[in-house]
Amino acid sequence: MANSRAHVIISGRVQGVFYRAHTRETARSLNLKGWVKNRYDSTVEAIFEGDEKDIEKMVEWCRQGPPSAKVDNVNVEWKKFTGEFNSFDVVH
């Protein structure tokens, strides 16, 4: 069970479609920690920390998103695990 961290930027129709709320629910169901937020350029940004296999499942989910989203691209940057988060939240 290797802990890892992924910094993810999701582009497409991902704002105004409950993308962040669904991301929070999905991340929590996978026991991931971190955050998700809307960015000013209409993308969604997230940090996921936890088991690498669970992060990979989360990234796959991000490629689809909730039903009303249309994801064009998911950019994933793998980083060193920090353990700085206690939960997974939507931030503003």
C-alpha atoms as a PDB file:
ATOM      1  CA  MET A   1       0.000   0.000   0.000  1.00  0.00           C
ATOM      2  CA  ALA A   2       2.196   2.814  -1.304  1.00  0.00           C
ATOM      3  CA  ASN A   3       1.041   6.302  -0.421  1.00  0.00           C
ATOM      4  CA  SER A   4       1.267   8.843  -3.184  1.00  0.00           C
ATOM      5  CA  ARG A   5       0.058  12.288  -4.251  1.00  0.00           C
ATOM      6  CA  ALA A   6      -1.386  13.518  -7.540  1.00  0.00           C
ATOM      7  CA  HIS A   7      -1.965  17.108  -8.657  1.00  0.00           C
ATOM      8  CA  VAL A   8      -4.729  17.058 -11.252  1.00  0.00           C
ATOM      9  CA  ILE A   9      -6.140  19.715 -13.612  1.00  0.00           C
ATOM     10  CA  ILE A  10      -9.403  18.833 -15.373  1.00  0.00           C
ATOM     11  CA  SER A  11     -10.586  20.846 -18.378  1.00  0.00           C
ATOM     12  CA  GLY A  12     -13.787  20.845 -20.396  1.00  0.00           C
ATOM     13  CA  ARG A  13     -17.332  21.525 -19.197  1.00  0.00           C
ATOM     14  CA  VAL A  14     -16.427  20.928 -15.550  1.00  0.00           C
ATOM     15  CA  GLN A  15     -17.799  23.989 -13.759  1.00  0.00           C
ATOM     16  CA  GLY A  16     -21.484  24.397 -12.948  1.00  0.00           C
ATOM     17  CA  VAL A  17     -22.085  20.640 -13.267  1.00  0.00           C
ATOM     18  CA  PHE A  18     -21.470  19.614  -9.613  1.00  0.00           C
ATOM     19  CA  TYR A  19     -18.017  18.314 -10.544  1.00  0.00           C
ATOM     20  CA  ARG A  20     -16.467  19.360  -7.212  1.00  0.00           C
ATOM     21  CA  ALA A  21     -19.224  17.832  -5.067  1.00  0.00           C
ATOM     22  CA  HIS A  22     -19.046  14.528  -6.960  1.00  0.00           C
ATOM     23  CA  THR A  23     -15.245  14.576  -6.761  1.00  0.00           C
ATOM     24  CA  ARG A  24     -15.442  15.043  -2.979  1.00  0.00           C
ATOM     25  CA  GLU A  25     -17.889  12.131  -2.602  1.00  0.00           C
ATOM     26  CA  THR A  26     -15.822   9.837  -4.824  1.00  0.00           C
ATOM     27  CA  ALA A  27     -12.512  10.759  -3.169  1.00  0.00           C
ATOM     28  CA  ARG A  28     -13.955  10.184   0.287  1.00  0.00           C
ATOM     29  CA  SER A  29     -15.352   6.791  -0.779  1.00  0.00           C
ATOM     30  CA  LEU A  30     -11.784   5.843  -1.807  1.00  0.00           C
ATOM     31  CA  ASN A  31     -10.344   7.134   1.512  1.00  0.00           C
ATOM     32  CA  LEU A  32      -8.365   9.833  -0.270  1.00  0.00           C
ATOM     33  CA  LYS A  33      -7.365  13.117   1.354  1.00  0.00           C
ATOM     34  CA  GLY A  34      -6.834  16.523  -0.249  1.00  0.00           C
ATOM     35  CA  TRP A  35      -9.015  19.116  -1.959  1.00  0.00           C
ATOM     36  CA  VAL A  36     -10.778  20.167  -5.136  1.00  0.00           C
ATOM     37  CA  LYS A  37     -11.538  23.681  -6.394  1.00  0.00           C
ATOM     38  CA  ASN A  38     -12.666  25.685  -9.405  1.00  0.00           C
ATOM     39  CA  ARG A  39     -10.008  27.795 -11.104  1.00  0.00           C
ATOM     40  CA  TYR A  40     -10.544  31.135 -12.813  1.00  0.00           C
ATOM     41  CA  ASP A  41      -9.684  29.640 -16.219  1.00  0.00           C
ATOM     42  CA  SER A  42     -12.797  27.354 -16.038  1.00  0.00           C
ATOM     43  CA  THR A  43     -10.788  24.265 -15.112  1.00  0.00           C
ATOM     44  CA  VAL A  44     -11.040  22.234 -11.913  1.00  0.00           C
ATOM     45  CA  GLU A  45      -7.911  21.560  -9.835  1.00  0.00           C
ATOM     46  CA  ALA A  46      -7.459  18.818  -7.253  1.00  0.00           C
ATOM     47  CA  ILE A  47      -4.853  17.288  -4.986  1.00  0.00           C
ATOM     48  CA  PHE A  48      -5.364  13.631  -4.090  1.00  0.00           C
ATOM     49  CA  GLU A  49      -3.332  11.856  -1.427  1.00  0.00           C
ATOM     50  CA  GLY A  50      -3.614   8.228  -0.390  1.00  0.00           C
ATOM     51  CA  ASP A  51      -2.994   4.777  -1.754  1.00  0.00           C
ATOM     52  CA  GLU A  52      -1.596   4.985  -5.284  1.00  0.00           C
ATOM     53  CA  LYS A  53      -4.098   2.440  -6.657  1.00  0.00           C
ATOM     54  CA  ASP A  54      -7.000   4.445  -5.194  1.00  0.00           C
ATOM     55  CA  ILE A  55      -5.616   7.646  -6.721  1.00  0.00           C
ATOM     56  CA  GLU A  56      -5.435   5.878 -10.092  1.00  0.00           C
ATOM     57  CA  LYS A  57      -9.132   4.932  -9.706  1.00  0.00           C
ATOM     58  CA  MET A  58      -9.911   8.557  -8.842  1.00  0.00           C
ATOM     59  CA  VAL A  59      -8.040   9.858 -11.889  1.00  0.00           C
ATOM     60  CA  GLU A  60      -9.979   7.434 -14.094  1.00  0.00           C
ATOM     61  CA  TRP A  61     -13.214   8.763 -12.561  1.00  0.00           C
ATOM     62  CA  CYS A  62     -12.027  12.332 -13.290  1.00  0.00           C
ATOM     63  CA  ARG A  63     -11.744  11.472 -16.987  1.00  0.00           C
ATOM     64  CA  GLN A  64     -15.531  10.938 -17.029  1.00  0.00           C
ATOM     65  CA  GLY A  65     -16.794  13.068 -14.136  1.00  0.00           C
ATOM     66  CA  PRO A  66     -20.439  13.442 -13.144  1.00  0.00           C
ATOM     67  CA  PRO A  67     -23.227  12.872 -15.721  1.00  0.00           C
ATOM     68  CA  SER A  68     -23.536  16.480 -16.938  1.00  0.00           C
ATOM     69  CA  ALA A  69     -19.779  17.095 -17.291  1.00  0.00           C
ATOM     70  CA  LYS A  70     -17.862  16.878 -20.552  1.00  0.00           C
ATOM     71  CA  VAL A  71     -14.198  16.309 -19.766  1.00  0.00           C
ATOM     72  CA  ASP A  72     -11.754  17.272 -22.514  1.00  0.00           C
ATOM     73  CA  ASN A  73      -8.465  16.666 -20.698  1.00  0.00           C
ATOM     74  CA  VAL A  74      -7.055  15.452 -17.385  1.00  0.00           C
ATOM     75  CA  ASN A  75      -3.485  16.507 -16.630  1.00  0.00           C
ATOM     76  CA  VAL A  76      -1.913  14.447 -13.821  1.00  0.00           C
ATOM     77  CA  GLU A  77       1.350  15.297 -12.107  1.00  0.00           C
ATOM     78  CA  TRP A  78       2.581  12.734  -9.567  1.00  0.00           C
ATOM     79  CA  LYS A  79       4.253  14.179  -6.484  1.00  0.00           C
ATOM     80  CA  LYS A  80       5.747  13.061  -3.187  1.00  0.00           C
ATOM     81  CA  PHE A  81       3.228  12.124  -0.471  1.00  0.00           C
ATOM     82  CA  THR A  82       3.129  14.703   2.348  1.00  0.00           C
ATOM     83  CA  GLY A  83       0.334  13.493   4.632  1.00  0.00           C
ATOM     84  CA  GLU A  84      -0.723  17.097   5.264  1.00  0.00           C
ATOM     85  CA  PHE A  85      -4.482  16.551   4.861  1.00  0.00           C
ATOM     86  CA  ASN A  86      -6.996  15.160   7.369  1.00  0.00           C
ATOM     87  CA  SER A  87      -9.948  14.901   4.979  1.00  0.00           C
ATOM     88  CA  PHE A  88     -11.055  15.635   1.421  1.00  0.00           C
ATOM     89  CA  ASP A  89     -12.799  18.978   0.944  1.00  0.00           C
ATOM     90  CA  VAL A  90     -14.032  21.480  -1.603  1.00  0.00           C
ATOM     91  CA  VAL A  91     -11.988  24.676  -1.231  1.00  0.00           C
ATOM     92  CA  HIS A  92     -12.622  28.117  -2.668  1.00  0.00           C
END
